[in-house]
Amino acid sequence: MAYAEVNGTRLHYEDEGTGRPLLFLHGFGTSGRVWDAQRPEFVRDHRVVTVDWRGCGRSDHPLPGNDMATVVADLVGLIEVLGLDRPVVVGSSIGAAFAIELALRHPELVGGAVSVDGSAHWVSLGFPVQPLLDGLAANRAGTVAGWVPEWYGPDAPAELARSTVRQILDSGVYIDAHFLEAVTYDPRPRLPELRVPVHYVHGELSHIPLEISRECAELSPGAELRVVAGAAHMPHQERVGEFNGVLRELLLVG
């Protein structure tokens, strides 16, 4: 196992292959393991790095720093520690928000970003954040077990949801603070200012409305939107072949 000390926090990462670097970011409470189906495909001709961001997986689970600014600062530090030369940052769900923020704040450090079923301004559409936070506080295991199956389409293997539940329950409880920040988070006014290529991938059946990715793509200069048929919120796990093909095409676009 490899670890990097960044901003006083030990982050677990995996780093394999050579070539154009790709940095993969997972979603809420999971880990770099959600990209296991991408690693063998892209390590053939890319340097592939996955990281468990702070509070998740095998990284430290600190009380402070569970906010957008600190996670983005961690990613800046990780890019510097590993000597990544302008990686394309691929993020899922809230990891997509981290990827876009990194591109907005530090275009000199990244070669582009791909948002996979990004949540962006999802709370503005009426997602009930407080009931979710109350449920996580009162019965974390039951709440996670009832919520996570919604992330997957009807044809997804049941083990995918079970594995995701286990990962979230193994992560730290302090990451719930990200939901509080999400109440006001909205990158749309700044997306036209993007100076690196950013593209969007969305699951056809996702509980995150497709309109979020469509609107963000329209606001991002030169962006493309690709929809993965038959997939829900985790297209990289549910439709591996289709997703990997789409990602390869987007990497060629810019």
C-alpha atoms as a PDB file:
ATOM      1  CA  MET A   1       0.000   0.000   0.000  1.00  0.00           C
ATOM      2  CA  ALA A   2       1.195   3.495  -0.835  1.00  0.00           C
ATOM      3  CA  TYR A   3       0.519   6.589   1.239  1.00  0.00           C
ATOM      4  CA  ALA A   4       1.255  10.273   0.776  1.00  0.00           C
ATOM      5  CA  GLU A   5       1.364  12.815   3.595  1.00  0.00           C
ATOM      6  CA  VAL A   6      -0.594  15.840   2.366  1.00  0.00           C
ATOM      7  CA  ASN A   7      -1.751  18.782   4.504  1.00  0.00           C
ATOM      8  CA  GLY A   8      -1.150  16.766   7.657  1.00  0.00           C
ATOM      9  CA  THR A   9      -3.332  13.899   6.438  1.00  0.00           C
ATOM     10  CA  ARG A  10      -2.193  10.498   5.199  1.00  0.00           C
ATOM     11  CA  LEU A  11      -3.842   9.667   1.873  1.00  0.00           C
ATOM     12  CA  HIS A  12      -3.893   6.181   0.410  1.00  0.00           C
ATOM     13  CA  TYR A  13      -3.315   5.965  -3.329  1.00  0.00           C
ATOM     14  CA  GLU A  14      -2.457   3.471  -6.048  1.00  0.00           C
ATOM     15  CA  ASP A  15      -0.163   4.480  -8.889  1.00  0.00           C
ATOM     16  CA  GLU A  16       0.442   2.205 -11.864  1.00  0.00           C
ATOM     17  CA  GLY A  17       1.459   2.432 -15.518  1.00  0.00           C
ATOM     18  CA  THR A  18       3.148   5.039 -17.656  1.00  0.00           C
ATOM     19  CA  GLY A  19       1.954   7.620 -20.134  1.00  0.00           C
ATOM     20  CA  ARG A  20      -0.537  10.455 -19.894  1.00  0.00           C
ATOM     21  CA  PRO A  21      -1.650  10.559 -16.235  1.00  0.00           C
ATOM     22  CA  LEU A  22      -5.229   9.986 -15.143  1.00  0.00           C
ATOM     23  CA  LEU A  23      -6.316  10.809 -11.593  1.00  0.00           C
ATOM     24  CA  PHE A  24      -9.563   9.065 -10.548  1.00  0.00           C
ATOM     25  CA  LEU A  25     -11.719  10.437  -7.706  1.00  0.00           C
ATOM     26  CA  HIS A  26     -14.466   8.380  -6.066  1.00  0.00           C
ATOM     27  CA  GLY A  27     -17.800   9.550  -4.680  1.00  0.00           C
ATOM     28  CA  PHE A  28     -19.204   9.924  -1.173  1.00  0.00           C
ATOM     29  CA  GLY A  29     -17.765   7.494   1.358  1.00  0.00           C
ATOM     30  CA  THR A  30     -16.380   4.976  -1.115  1.00  0.00           C
ATOM     31  CA  SER A  31     -12.740   4.588  -2.194  1.00  0.00           C
ATOM     32  CA  GLY A  32     -10.431   4.179  -5.150  1.00  0.00           C
ATOM     33  CA  ARG A  33     -11.709   0.626  -5.426  1.00  0.00           C
ATOM     34  CA  VAL A  34     -14.758   1.855  -7.361  1.00  0.00           C
ATOM     35  CA  TRP A  35     -12.392   2.294 -10.327  1.00  0.00           C
ATOM     36  CA  ASP A  36     -11.129  -1.298 -10.307  1.00  0.00           C
ATOM     37  CA  ALA A  37     -12.803  -1.961 -13.657  1.00  0.00           C
ATOM     38  CA  GLN A  38     -11.024   1.026 -15.248  1.00  0.00           C
ATOM     39  CA  ARG A  39      -7.524   0.371 -13.940  1.00  0.00           C
ATOM     40  CA  PRO A  40      -6.684  -2.679 -16.114  1.00  0.00           C
ATOM     41  CA  GLU A  41      -8.006  -0.982 -19.234  1.00  0.00           C
ATOM     42  CA  PHE A  42      -6.269   2.383 -18.908  1.00  0.00           C
ATOM     43  CA  VAL A  43      -3.031   1.282 -17.260  1.00  0.00           C
ATOM     44  CA  ARG A  44      -2.046  -0.188 -20.636  1.00  0.00           C
ATOM     45  CA  ASP A  45      -1.288   3.264 -22.018  1.00  0.00           C
ATOM     46  CA  HIS A  46      -1.719   5.732 -19.136  1.00  0.00           C
ATOM     47  CA  ARG A  47      -0.333   6.392 -15.712  1.00  0.00           C
ATOM     48  CA  VAL A  48      -3.366   5.603 -13.552  1.00  0.00           C
ATOM     49  CA  VAL A  49      -3.673   7.030 -10.042  1.00  0.00           C
ATOM     50  CA  THR A  50      -6.589   6.392  -7.716  1.00  0.00           C
ATOM     51  CA  VAL A  51      -6.847   8.030  -4.311  1.00  0.00           C
ATOM     52  CA  ASP A  52      -9.029   7.650  -1.239  1.00  0.00           C
ATOM     53  CA  TRP A  53      -9.760  11.261  -0.388  1.00  0.00           C
ATOM     54  CA  ARG A  54      -9.629  12.320   3.262  1.00  0.00           C
ATOM     55  CA  GLY A  55     -12.212  10.644   5.473  1.00  0.00           C
ATOM     56  CA  CYS A  56     -12.649   7.688   3.128  1.00  0.00           C
ATOM     57  CA  GLY A  57     -11.280   4.224   2.525  1.00  0.00           C
ATOM     58  CA  ARG A  58      -7.749   3.577   3.698  1.00  0.00           C
ATOM     59  CA  SER A  59      -6.872   7.258   4.143  1.00  0.00           C
ATOM     60  CA  ASP A  60      -7.018   9.084   7.465  1.00  0.00           C
ATOM     61  CA  HIS A  61     -10.471  10.000   8.809  1.00  0.00           C
ATOM     62  CA  PRO A  62      -9.842  13.389  10.435  1.00  0.00           C
ATOM     63  CA  LEU A  63     -12.474  15.581  12.047  1.00  0.00           C
ATOM     64  CA  PRO A  64     -11.392  18.811  10.296  1.00  0.00           C
ATOM     65  CA  GLY A  65     -11.132  19.493   6.597  1.00  0.00           C
ATOM     66  CA  ASN A  66     -14.222  17.734   5.278  1.00  0.00           C
ATOM     67  CA  ASP A  67     -15.040  20.483   2.820  1.00  0.00           C
ATOM     68  CA  MET A  68     -14.487  21.311  -0.832  1.00  0.00           C
ATOM     69  CA  ALA A  69     -11.560  23.689  -0.327  1.00  0.00           C
ATOM     70  CA  THR A  70      -9.541  21.258   1.782  1.00  0.00           C
ATOM     71  CA  VAL A  71     -10.131  18.245  -0.446  1.00  0.00           C
ATOM     72  CA  VAL A  72      -9.095  20.294  -3.489  1.00  0.00           C
ATOM     73  CA  ALA A  73      -5.993  21.456  -1.598  1.00  0.00           C
ATOM     74  CA  ASP A  74      -5.236  17.810  -0.809  1.00  0.00           C
ATOM     75  CA  LEU A  75      -5.457  16.991  -4.511  1.00  0.00           C
ATOM     76  CA  VAL A  76      -3.084  19.834  -5.353  1.00  0.00           C
ATOM     77  CA  GLY A  77      -0.646  18.450  -2.807  1.00  0.00           C
ATOM     78  CA  LEU A  78      -0.998  14.913  -4.126  1.00  0.00           C
ATOM     79  CA  ILE A  79      -0.343  16.041  -7.712  1.00  0.00           C
ATOM     80  CA  GLU A  80       2.815  17.757  -6.523  1.00  0.00           C
ATOM     81  CA  VAL A  81       4.001  14.868  -4.327  1.00  0.00           C
ATOM     82  CA  LEU A  82       3.525  12.318  -7.111  1.00  0.00           C
ATOM     83  CA  GLY A  83       4.886  14.591  -9.812  1.00  0.00           C
ATOM     84  CA  LEU A  84       1.811  14.200 -12.014  1.00  0.00           C
ATOM     85  CA  ASP A  85       2.176  16.193 -15.220  1.00  0.00           C
ATOM     86  CA  ARG A  86      -1.206  17.842 -15.856  1.00  0.00           C
ATOM     87  CA  PRO A  87      -3.383  14.779 -15.225  1.00  0.00           C
ATOM     88  CA  VAL A  88      -6.891  14.411 -16.571  1.00  0.00           C
ATOM     89  CA  VAL A  89      -9.015  14.204 -13.421  1.00  0.00           C
ATOM     90  CA  VAL A  90     -11.977  11.823 -13.619  1.00  0.00           C
ATOM     91  CA  GLY A  91     -14.460  12.180 -10.763  1.00  0.00           C
ATOM     92  CA  SER A  92     -17.658  10.363  -9.828  1.00  0.00           C
ATOM     93  CA  SER A  93     -20.584  12.047  -8.008  1.00  0.00           C
ATOM     94  CA  ILE A  94     -19.147  14.455  -5.434  1.00  0.00           C
ATOM     95  CA  GLY A  95     -15.738  13.447  -6.771  1.00  0.00           C
ATOM     96  CA  ALA A  96     -16.859  15.058 -10.028  1.00  0.00           C
ATOM     97  CA  ALA A  97     -17.419  18.322  -8.143  1.00  0.00           C
ATOM     98  CA  PHE A  98     -13.885  18.043  -6.753  1.00  0.00           C
ATOM     99  CA  ALA A  99     -12.544  17.461 -10.276  1.00  0.00           C
ATOM    100  CA  ILE A 100     -14.361  20.491 -11.700  1.00  0.00           C
ATOM    101  CA  GLU A 101     -13.289  22.680  -8.779  1.00  0.00           C
ATOM    102  CA  LEU A 102      -9.687  21.597  -9.272  1.00  0.00           C
ATOM    103  CA  ALA A 103      -9.934  22.546 -12.958  1.00  0.00           C
ATOM    104  CA  LEU A 104     -11.477  25.913 -12.089  1.00  0.00           C
ATOM    105  CA  ARG A 105      -9.058  26.820  -9.317  1.00  0.00           C
ATOM    106  CA  HIS A 106      -5.841  25.323 -10.704  1.00  0.00           C
ATOM    107  CA  PRO A 107      -5.968  25.043 -14.498  1.00  0.00           C
ATOM    108  CA  GLU A 108      -2.176  25.139 -14.559  1.00  0.00           C
ATOM    109  CA  LEU A 109      -2.049  21.778 -12.765  1.00  0.00           C
ATOM    110  CA  VAL A 110      -4.542  19.700 -14.743  1.00  0.00           C
ATOM    111  CA  GLY A 111      -4.950  18.731 -18.379  1.00  0.00           C
ATOM    112  CA  GLY A 112      -8.726  18.419 -18.139  1.00  0.00           C
ATOM    113  CA  ALA A 113     -11.560  16.847 -16.201  1.00  0.00           C
ATOM    114  CA  VAL A 114     -14.367  14.360 -16.730  1.00  0.00           C
ATOM    115  CA  SER A 115     -17.482  14.578 -14.562  1.00  0.00           C
ATOM    116  CA  VAL A 116     -19.174  11.192 -14.096  1.00  0.00           C
ATOM    117  CA  ASP A 117     -22.754  11.593 -12.888  1.00  0.00           C
ATOM    118  CA  GLY A 118     -21.708  14.769 -11.134  1.00  0.00           C
ATOM    119  CA  SER A 119     -24.013  16.155  -8.475  1.00  0.00           C
ATOM    120  CA  ALA A 120     -23.104  19.860  -9.052  1.00  0.00           C
ATOM    121  CA  HIS A 121     -26.166  21.896  -7.951  1.00  0.00           C
ATOM    122  CA  TRP A 122     -28.337  18.853  -7.168  1.00  0.00           C
ATOM    123  CA  VAL A 123     -29.471  20.190  -3.789  1.00  0.00           C
ATOM    124  CA  SER A 124     -31.022  23.187  -5.528  1.00  0.00           C
ATOM    125  CA  LEU A 125     -33.481  20.733  -7.090  1.00  0.00           C
ATOM    126  CA  GLY A 126     -34.953  19.855  -3.720  1.00  0.00           C
ATOM    127  CA  PHE A 127     -32.940  16.876  -2.474  1.00  0.00           C
ATOM    128  CA  PRO A 128     -33.870  16.374   1.213  1.00  0.00           C
ATOM    129  CA  VAL A 129     -30.472  16.827   2.837  1.00  0.00           C
ATOM    130  CA  GLN A 130     -31.598  17.149   6.457  1.00  0.00           C
ATOM    131  CA  PRO A 131     -33.555  13.868   6.556  1.00  0.00           C
ATOM    132  CA  LEU A 132     -30.514  12.092   5.131  1.00  0.00           C
ATOM    133  CA  LEU A 133     -28.224  13.649   7.746  1.00  0.00           C
ATOM    134  CA  ASP A 134     -30.693  12.792  10.516  1.00  0.00           C
ATOM    135  CA  GLY A 135     -30.871   9.214   9.298  1.00  0.00           C
ATOM    136  CA  LEU A 136     -27.087   8.887   9.132  1.00  0.00           C
ATOM    137  CA  ALA A 137     -26.820  10.197  12.690  1.00  0.00           C
ATOM    138  CA  ALA A 138     -29.544   7.962  14.108  1.00  0.00           C
ATOM    139  CA  ASN A 139     -29.020   4.737  12.169  1.00  0.00           C
ATOM    140  CA  ARG A 140     -26.043   4.969   9.852  1.00  0.00           C
ATOM    141  CA  ALA A 141     -26.025   1.331   8.762  1.00  0.00           C
ATOM    142  CA  GLY A 142     -29.746   1.221   8.036  1.00  0.00           C
ATOM    143  CA  THR A 143     -29.776   4.564   6.246  1.00  0.00           C
ATOM    144  CA  VAL A 144     -26.837   3.662   4.020  1.00  0.00           C
ATOM    145  CA  ALA A 145     -28.297   0.228   3.261  1.00  0.00           C
ATOM    146  CA  GLY A 146     -31.587   1.803   2.206  1.00  0.00           C
ATOM    147  CA  TRP A 147     -30.040   4.635   0.195  1.00  0.00           C
ATOM    148  CA  VAL A 148     -27.219   3.032  -1.791  1.00  0.00           C
ATOM    149  CA  PRO A 149     -29.333   0.609  -3.908  1.00  0.00           C
ATOM    150  CA  GLU A 150     -30.855   3.740  -5.521  1.00  0.00           C
ATOM    151  CA  TRP A 151     -27.423   4.416  -7.012  1.00  0.00           C
ATOM    152  CA  TYR A 152     -27.656   1.364  -9.271  1.00  0.00           C
ATOM    153  CA  GLY A 153     -29.900   0.388 -12.152  1.00  0.00           C
ATOM    154  CA  PRO A 154     -32.203  -2.656 -12.085  1.00  0.00           C
ATOM    155  CA  ASP A 155     -29.751  -4.805 -14.056  1.00  0.00           C
ATOM    156  CA  ALA A 156     -26.725  -4.118 -11.852  1.00  0.00           C
ATOM    157  CA  PRO A 157     -25.389  -7.057  -9.829  1.00  0.00           C
ATOM    158  CA  ALA A 158     -26.591  -6.855  -6.231  1.00  0.00           C
ATOM    159  CA  GLU A 159     -23.033  -7.228  -4.988  1.00  0.00           C
ATOM    160  CA  LEU A 160     -22.166  -3.777  -6.316  1.00  0.00           C
ATOM    161  CA  ALA A 161     -24.557  -2.121  -3.872  1.00  0.00           C
ATOM    162  CA  ARG A 162     -23.443  -4.385  -1.027  1.00  0.00           C
ATOM    163  CA  SER A 163     -19.792  -3.528  -1.672  1.00  0.00           C
ATOM    164  CA  THR A 164     -20.594   0.186  -1.768  1.00  0.00           C
ATOM    165  CA  VAL A 165     -22.484  -0.022   1.528  1.00  0.00           C
ATOM    166  CA  ARG A 166     -19.497  -1.723   3.163  1.00  0.00           C
ATOM    167  CA  GLN A 167     -17.113   0.945   1.901  1.00  0.00           C
ATOM    168  CA  ILE A 168     -19.266   3.798   3.179  1.00  0.00           C
ATOM    169  CA  LEU A 169     -19.632   2.204   6.601  1.00  0.00           C
ATOM    170  CA  ASP A 170     -15.859   1.732   6.747  1.00  0.00           C
ATOM    171  CA  SER A 171     -15.282   5.438   6.068  1.00  0.00           C
ATOM    172  CA  GLY A 172     -15.360   8.217   8.619  1.00  0.00           C
ATOM    173  CA  VAL A 173     -18.536   9.795   9.946  1.00  0.00           C
ATOM    174  CA  TYR A 174     -17.160  13.326   9.594  1.00  0.00           C
ATOM    175  CA  ILE A 175     -17.509  13.296   5.795  1.00  0.00           C
ATOM    176  CA  ASP A 176     -21.239  13.933   6.288  1.00  0.00           C
ATOM    177  CA  ALA A 177     -20.263  17.609   6.526  1.00  0.00           C
ATOM    178  CA  HIS A 178     -19.983  17.627   2.740  1.00  0.00           C
ATOM    179  CA  PHE A 179     -23.778  17.513   2.547  1.00  0.00           C
ATOM    180  CA  LEU A 180     -24.016  20.757   4.512  1.00  0.00           C
ATOM    181  CA  GLU A 181     -21.731  22.513   2.042  1.00  0.00           C
ATOM    182  CA  ALA A 182     -23.679  21.053  -0.881  1.00  0.00           C
ATOM    183  CA  VAL A 183     -26.744  23.042   0.162  1.00  0.00           C
ATOM    184  CA  THR A 184     -25.184  26.205  -1.275  1.00  0.00           C
ATOM    185  CA  TYR A 185     -22.714  24.777  -3.802  1.00  0.00           C
ATOM    186  CA  ASP A 186     -23.327  25.782  -7.422  1.00  0.00           C
ATOM    187  CA  PRO A 187     -20.472  25.952  -9.976  1.00  0.00           C
ATOM    188  CA  ARG A 188     -22.613  27.149 -12.892  1.00  0.00           C
ATOM    189  CA  PRO A 189     -21.675  30.858 -12.816  1.00  0.00           C
ATOM    190  CA  ARG A 190     -17.973  29.966 -13.116  1.00  0.00           C
ATOM    191  CA  LEU A 191     -18.125  27.168 -15.708  1.00  0.00           C
ATOM    192  CA  PRO A 192     -17.782  29.536 -18.700  1.00  0.00           C
ATOM    193  CA  GLU A 193     -14.405  30.533 -17.229  1.00  0.00           C
ATOM    194  CA  LEU A 194     -12.948  27.020 -17.593  1.00  0.00           C
ATOM    195  CA  ARG A 195      -9.540  27.070 -19.264  1.00  0.00           C
ATOM    196  CA  VAL A 196      -9.066  23.307 -19.667  1.00  0.00           C
ATOM    197  CA  PRO A 197     -11.252  20.716 -21.442  1.00  0.00           C
ATOM    198  CA  VAL A 198     -14.087  19.388 -19.295  1.00  0.00           C
ATOM    199  CA  HIS A 199     -16.569  16.717 -20.385  1.00  0.00           C
ATOM    200  CA  TYR A 200     -19.576  15.055 -18.791  1.00  0.00           C
ATOM    201  CA  VAL A 201     -20.784  11.440 -18.559  1.00  0.00           C
ATOM    202  CA  HIS A 202     -24.163  10.577 -17.062  1.00  0.00           C
ATOM    203  CA  GLY A 203     -26.099   7.394 -16.396  1.00  0.00           C
ATOM    204  CA  GLU A 204     -29.412   7.234 -18.244  1.00  0.00           C
ATOM    205  CA  LEU A 205     -31.242   5.924 -15.161  1.00  0.00           C
ATOM    206  CA  SER A 206     -29.465   7.956 -12.492  1.00  0.00           C
ATOM    207  CA  HIS A 207     -31.354   9.475  -9.579  1.00  0.00           C
ATOM    208  CA  ILE A 208     -29.208  12.556 -10.218  1.00  0.00           C
ATOM    209  CA  PRO A 209     -31.143  14.369 -12.964  1.00  0.00           C
ATOM    210  CA  LEU A 210     -29.507  14.262 -16.387  1.00  0.00           C
ATOM    211  CA  GLU A 211     -30.405  17.933 -16.729  1.00  0.00           C
ATOM    212  CA  ILE A 212     -27.628  18.790 -14.266  1.00  0.00           C
ATOM    213  CA  SER A 213     -24.909  17.392 -16.522  1.00  0.00           C
ATOM    214  CA  ARG A 214     -26.598  18.754 -19.648  1.00  0.00           C
ATOM    215  CA  GLU A 215     -26.752  22.276 -18.249  1.00  0.00           C
ATOM    216  CA  CYS A 216     -23.168  22.148 -16.993  1.00  0.00           C
ATOM    217  CA  ALA A 217     -21.975  20.870 -20.383  1.00  0.00           C
ATOM    218  CA  GLU A 218     -23.732  23.751 -22.139  1.00  0.00           C
ATOM    219  CA  LEU A 219     -21.956  26.209 -19.856  1.00  0.00           C
ATOM    220  CA  SER A 220     -18.493  24.607 -20.176  1.00  0.00           C
ATOM    221  CA  PRO A 221     -16.538  25.714 -23.271  1.00  0.00           C
ATOM    222  CA  GLY A 222     -16.213  22.887 -25.800  1.00  0.00           C
ATOM    223  CA  ALA A 223     -17.715  20.286 -23.471  1.00  0.00           C
ATOM    224  CA  GLU A 224     -19.359  17.074 -24.630  1.00  0.00           C
ATOM    225  CA  LEU A 225     -22.080  15.158 -22.790  1.00  0.00           C
ATOM    226  CA  ARG A 226     -22.292  11.382 -23.132  1.00  0.00           C
ATOM    227  CA  VAL A 227     -25.160   9.317 -21.686  1.00  0.00           C
ATOM    228  CA  VAL A 228     -24.521   5.682 -20.749  1.00  0.00           C
ATOM    229  CA  ALA A 229     -27.665   3.710 -21.552  1.00  0.00           C
ATOM    230  CA  GLY A 230     -28.978   1.321 -18.928  1.00  0.00           C
ATOM    231  CA  ALA A 231     -26.733   2.686 -16.192  1.00  0.00           C
ATOM    232  CA  ALA A 232     -27.695   4.672 -13.138  1.00  0.00           C
ATOM    233  CA  HIS A 233     -25.427   6.705 -10.833  1.00  0.00           C
ATOM    234  CA  MET A 234     -22.358   4.448 -11.152  1.00  0.00           C
ATOM    235  CA  PRO A 235     -21.948   3.878 -14.910  1.00  0.00           C
ATOM    236  CA  HIS A 236     -18.257   3.008 -14.534  1.00  0.00           C
ATOM    237  CA  GLN A 237     -19.275  -0.026 -12.467  1.00  0.00           C
ATOM    238  CA  GLU A 238     -22.576  -0.915 -14.129  1.00  0.00           C
ATOM    239  CA  ARG A 239     -21.661  -0.668 -17.818  1.00  0.00           C
ATOM    240  CA  VAL A 240     -17.902  -1.151 -17.787  1.00  0.00           C
ATOM    241  CA  GLY A 241     -17.316  -1.692 -21.501  1.00  0.00           C
ATOM    242  CA  GLU A 242     -19.517   1.174 -22.581  1.00  0.00           C
ATOM    243  CA  PHE A 243     -18.093   3.527 -19.985  1.00  0.00           C
ATOM    244  CA  ASN A 244     -14.472   2.711 -20.777  1.00  0.00           C
ATOM    245  CA  GLY A 245     -15.158   3.274 -24.454  1.00  0.00           C
ATOM    246  CA  VAL A 246     -16.791   6.638 -23.782  1.00  0.00           C
ATOM    247  CA  LEU A 247     -13.938   7.727 -21.535  1.00  0.00           C
ATOM    248  CA  ARG A 248     -11.372   6.806 -24.181  1.00  0.00           C
ATOM    249  CA  GLU A 249     -13.254   8.845 -26.763  1.00  0.00           C
ATOM    250  CA  LEU A 250     -13.421  11.860 -24.464  1.00  0.00           C
ATOM    251  CA  LEU A 251      -9.706  11.623 -23.699  1.00  0.00           C
ATOM    252  CA  LEU A 252      -9.069  11.928 -27.441  1.00  0.00           C
ATOM    253  CA  VAL A 253     -11.340  14.964 -27.718  1.00  0.00           C
ATOM    254  CA  GLY A 254      -9.222  16.979 -25.331  1.00  0.00           C
END
